[in-house]
Amino acid sequence: MAKKETSINRQRKGGDTYMGYVINYFSKSDGKKVKRPYDPHHEMQHEFVAKGSGKLCKRYWDTSKEGLRTANAPWTISIKKKKK
């Protein structure tokens, strides 16, 4: 039986690199498109529909801010290789 490739195995194949996730979206408060680190496994993240606008939003943990941020749709979550 073939071994299922996990994220840990993919990280090891990269040698001196590790996988990281980033989220891209338009920030109303910054007035521009932003790219921030994203932790897909954090237990405090969730999606909801805003009552006023009816738009889909995502709350996620921002390690640089040490708090929650809200991303308005559309957003893109991508995998990024980073060097150690």
N, C-alpha and C. Protein backbone atom coordinates (compact mmCIF):
# COMPACT_ATOMS: atom_id res chain seq x y z
N MET A 1 0.85 -1.18 0.00
CA MET A 1 0.00 0.00 0.00
C MET A 1 0.89 1.24 0.00
N ALA A 2 0.58 2.19 -0.85
CA ALA A 2 1.37 3.42 -0.97
C ALA A 2 1.16 4.31 0.25
N LYS A 3 2.23 4.94 0.67
CA LYS A 3 2.17 5.83 1.84
C LYS A 3 1.51 7.15 1.43
N LYS A 4 0.52 7.56 2.19
CA LYS A 4 -0.17 8.83 1.90
C LYS A 4 0.76 9.99 2.24
N GLU A 5 0.88 10.93 1.32
CA GLU A 5 1.76 12.08 1.54
C GLU A 5 1.05 13.10 2.43
N THR A 6 1.65 13.44 3.54
CA THR A 6 1.09 14.42 4.45
C THR A 6 1.89 15.71 4.34
N SER A 7 1.38 16.75 4.99
CA SER A 7 2.09 18.02 4.95
C SER A 7 3.46 17.91 5.61
N ILE A 8 3.58 17.04 6.63
CA ILE A 8 4.87 16.85 7.30
C ILE A 8 5.86 16.22 6.33
N ASN A 9 5.41 15.22 5.56
CA ASN A 9 6.29 14.60 4.57
C ASN A 9 6.69 15.58 3.49
N ARG A 10 5.78 16.44 3.04
CA ARG A 10 6.12 17.44 2.03
C ARG A 10 7.15 18.41 2.58
N GLN A 11 7.04 18.74 3.87
CA GLN A 11 8.01 19.66 4.47
C GLN A 11 9.39 19.04 4.49
N ARG A 12 9.47 17.76 4.78
CA ARG A 12 10.77 17.08 4.85
C ARG A 12 11.41 16.99 3.48
N LYS A 13 10.62 16.82 2.42
CA LYS A 13 11.16 16.71 1.08
C LYS A 13 11.85 18.01 0.66
N GLY A 14 11.40 19.13 1.17
CA GLY A 14 11.96 20.42 0.81
C GLY A 14 13.34 20.67 1.38
N GLY A 15 13.80 19.84 2.30
CA GLY A 15 15.11 20.03 2.90
C GLY A 15 15.13 21.20 3.84
N ASP A 16 15.70 22.33 3.40
CA ASP A 16 15.83 23.48 4.29
C ASP A 16 14.65 24.44 4.15
N THR A 17 13.52 24.00 3.60
CA THR A 17 12.36 24.86 3.47
C THR A 17 11.21 24.28 4.28
N TYR A 18 10.26 25.11 4.63
CA TYR A 18 9.04 24.62 5.27
C TYR A 18 7.85 25.31 4.63
N MET A 19 6.70 24.67 4.75
CA MET A 19 5.50 25.18 4.11
C MET A 19 4.83 26.20 5.02
N GLY A 20 4.34 27.25 4.44
CA GLY A 20 3.59 28.25 5.17
C GLY A 20 2.36 28.60 4.35
N TYR A 21 1.36 29.16 4.99
CA TYR A 21 0.14 29.56 4.30
C TYR A 21 0.02 31.07 4.38
N VAL A 22 -0.51 31.66 3.33
CA VAL A 22 -0.79 33.10 3.31
C VAL A 22 -2.22 33.31 2.84
N ILE A 23 -2.82 34.39 3.31
CA ILE A 23 -4.16 34.77 2.89
C ILE A 23 -4.06 36.12 2.18
N ASN A 24 -4.70 36.23 1.03
CA ASN A 24 -4.72 37.47 0.24
C ASN A 24 -6.15 37.96 0.16
N TYR A 25 -6.36 39.23 0.44
CA TYR A 25 -7.70 39.83 0.33
C TYR A 25 -7.57 41.34 0.33
N PHE A 26 -8.66 42.02 -0.04
CA PHE A 26 -8.68 43.48 0.00
C PHE A 26 -9.07 43.92 1.40
N SER A 27 -8.25 44.72 2.03
CA SER A 27 -8.50 45.22 3.38
C SER A 27 -9.12 46.61 3.29
N LYS A 28 -10.32 46.75 3.81
CA LYS A 28 -10.98 48.06 3.80
C LYS A 28 -10.23 49.05 4.70
N SER A 29 -9.74 48.57 5.84
CA SER A 29 -9.06 49.47 6.77
C SER A 29 -7.72 49.96 6.22
N ASP A 30 -7.01 49.11 5.47
CA ASP A 30 -5.75 49.52 4.86
C ASP A 30 -5.95 50.18 3.50
N GLY A 31 -7.10 49.92 2.87
CA GLY A 31 -7.38 50.50 1.57
C GLY A 31 -6.60 49.87 0.43
N LYS A 32 -6.11 48.65 0.63
CA LYS A 32 -5.34 47.98 -0.42
C LYS A 32 -5.41 46.47 -0.24
N LYS A 33 -4.88 45.75 -1.22
CA LYS A 33 -4.81 44.31 -1.13
C LYS A 33 -3.67 43.93 -0.18
N VAL A 34 -3.93 43.00 0.73
CA VAL A 34 -2.91 42.61 1.69
C VAL A 34 -2.62 41.11 1.58
N LYS A 35 -1.43 40.75 2.01
CA LYS A 35 -0.99 39.36 2.05
C LYS A 35 -0.43 39.13 3.44
N ARG A 36 -1.07 38.24 4.20
CA ARG A 36 -0.67 38.02 5.58
C ARG A 36 -0.50 36.53 5.85
N PRO A 37 0.34 36.17 6.82
CA PRO A 37 0.47 34.76 7.20
C PRO A 37 -0.87 34.22 7.70
N TYR A 38 -1.12 32.94 7.45
CA TYR A 38 -2.40 32.34 7.79
C TYR A 38 -2.17 30.95 8.39
N ASP A 39 -2.81 30.66 9.50
CA ASP A 39 -2.73 29.35 10.14
C ASP A 39 -4.05 28.62 9.93
N PRO A 40 -4.10 27.63 9.03
CA PRO A 40 -5.36 26.96 8.73
C PRO A 40 -5.84 26.05 9.85
N HIS A 41 -5.00 25.79 10.84
CA HIS A 41 -5.36 24.84 11.90
C HIS A 41 -5.78 25.52 13.20
N HIS A 42 -5.79 26.82 13.23
CA HIS A 42 -6.12 27.49 14.48
C HIS A 42 -7.59 27.30 14.80
N GLU A 43 -7.89 27.00 16.05
CA GLU A 43 -9.26 26.66 16.46
C GLU A 43 -10.19 27.87 16.53
N MET A 44 -9.66 29.08 16.50
CA MET A 44 -10.52 30.26 16.64
C MET A 44 -11.01 30.82 15.30
N GLN A 45 -10.59 30.25 14.18
CA GLN A 45 -11.03 30.80 12.90
C GLN A 45 -12.42 30.28 12.55
N HIS A 46 -13.18 31.08 11.85
CA HIS A 46 -14.51 30.68 11.41
C HIS A 46 -14.99 31.61 10.30
N GLU A 47 -16.01 31.17 9.58
CA GLU A 47 -16.62 31.97 8.53
C GLU A 47 -18.04 32.33 8.95
N PHE A 48 -18.50 33.49 8.49
CA PHE A 48 -19.87 33.92 8.81
C PHE A 48 -20.36 34.87 7.73
N VAL A 49 -21.65 35.07 7.69
CA VAL A 49 -22.26 36.02 6.76
C VAL A 49 -22.59 37.29 7.55
N ALA A 50 -22.10 38.43 7.07
CA ALA A 50 -22.34 39.71 7.74
C ALA A 50 -23.82 40.07 7.65
N LYS A 51 -24.38 40.51 8.76
CA LYS A 51 -25.81 40.86 8.79
C LYS A 51 -26.13 42.05 7.90
N GLY A 52 -25.32 43.09 7.96
CA GLY A 52 -25.60 44.31 7.22
C GLY A 52 -25.45 44.18 5.72
N SER A 53 -24.32 43.60 5.29
CA SER A 53 -24.03 43.53 3.85
C SER A 53 -24.40 42.20 3.22
N GLY A 54 -24.50 41.15 4.02
CA GLY A 54 -24.78 39.82 3.49
C GLY A 54 -23.57 39.17 2.84
N LYS A 55 -22.37 39.75 3.05
CA LYS A 55 -21.16 39.20 2.45
C LYS A 55 -20.54 38.14 3.36
N LEU A 56 -19.87 37.18 2.72
CA LEU A 56 -19.17 36.14 3.46
C LEU A 56 -17.87 36.71 4.02
N CYS A 57 -17.59 36.44 5.28
CA CYS A 57 -16.38 36.92 5.96
C CYS A 57 -15.67 35.76 6.62
N LYS A 58 -14.38 35.90 6.81
CA LYS A 58 -13.58 34.89 7.50
C LYS A 58 -12.84 35.56 8.63
N ARG A 59 -12.99 35.04 9.85
CA ARG A 59 -12.21 35.50 11.00
C ARG A 59 -11.05 34.53 11.16
N TYR A 60 -9.85 35.05 11.28
CA TYR A 60 -8.67 34.20 11.42
C TYR A 60 -7.70 34.83 12.41
N TRP A 61 -6.84 34.01 12.97
CA TRP A 61 -5.85 34.45 13.95
C TRP A 61 -4.64 35.01 13.24
N ASP A 62 -4.26 36.23 13.58
CA ASP A 62 -3.08 36.87 13.02
C ASP A 62 -1.99 36.88 14.09
N THR A 63 -0.93 36.12 13.86
CA THR A 63 0.13 36.01 14.85
C THR A 63 0.89 37.32 15.04
N SER A 64 1.03 38.13 13.98
CA SER A 64 1.76 39.38 14.12
C SER A 64 0.98 40.38 14.98
N LYS A 65 -0.34 40.33 14.90
CA LYS A 65 -1.19 41.23 15.68
C LYS A 65 -1.53 40.64 17.05
N GLU A 66 -1.36 39.30 17.16
CA GLU A 66 -1.76 38.56 18.36
C GLU A 66 -3.25 38.75 18.63
N GLY A 67 -4.04 38.68 17.56
CA GLY A 67 -5.48 38.82 17.69
C GLY A 67 -6.18 38.38 16.42
N LEU A 68 -7.50 38.49 16.43
CA LEU A 68 -8.30 38.09 15.28
C LEU A 68 -8.38 39.20 14.24
N ARG A 69 -8.43 38.81 12.97
CA ARG A 69 -8.66 39.72 11.86
C ARG A 69 -9.85 39.20 11.07
N THR A 70 -10.50 40.09 10.35
CA THR A 70 -11.62 39.70 9.51
C THR A 70 -11.27 39.97 8.05
N ALA A 71 -11.42 38.93 7.23
CA ALA A 71 -11.19 39.06 5.79
C ALA A 71 -12.54 38.98 5.09
N ASN A 72 -12.81 39.94 4.22
CA ASN A 72 -14.04 39.93 3.44
C ASN A 72 -13.80 39.16 2.14
N ALA A 73 -14.83 38.45 1.69
CA ALA A 73 -14.72 37.70 0.43
C ALA A 73 -14.58 38.69 -0.72
N PRO A 74 -13.87 38.39 -1.78
CA PRO A 74 -13.16 37.13 -2.00
C PRO A 74 -11.77 37.15 -1.38
N TRP A 75 -11.34 36.03 -0.87
CA TRP A 75 -9.98 35.88 -0.35
C TRP A 75 -9.38 34.65 -0.98
N THR A 76 -8.05 34.58 -0.97
CA THR A 76 -7.33 33.44 -1.52
C THR A 76 -6.35 32.96 -0.47
N ILE A 77 -6.41 31.68 -0.17
CA ILE A 77 -5.44 31.08 0.76
C ILE A 77 -4.53 30.21 -0.08
N SER A 78 -3.22 30.45 0.01
CA SER A 78 -2.28 29.70 -0.79
C SER A 78 -1.12 29.19 0.06
N ILE A 79 -0.44 28.20 -0.48
CA ILE A 79 0.72 27.60 0.19
C ILE A 79 1.96 28.31 -0.34
N LYS A 80 2.84 28.63 0.58
CA LYS A 80 4.06 29.33 0.19
C LYS A 80 5.24 28.65 0.86
N LYS A 81 6.27 28.35 0.07
CA LYS A 81 7.48 27.77 0.63
C LYS A 81 8.33 28.89 1.17
N LYS A 82 8.85 28.69 2.36
CA LYS A 82 9.71 29.68 3.00
C LYS A 82 11.02 29.01 3.38
N LYS A 83 12.10 29.75 3.31
CA LYS A 83 13.38 29.22 3.75
C LYS A 83 13.50 29.39 5.25
N LYS A 84 14.15 28.43 5.88
CA LYS A 84 14.37 28.50 7.32
C LYS A 84 15.37 29.55 7.68
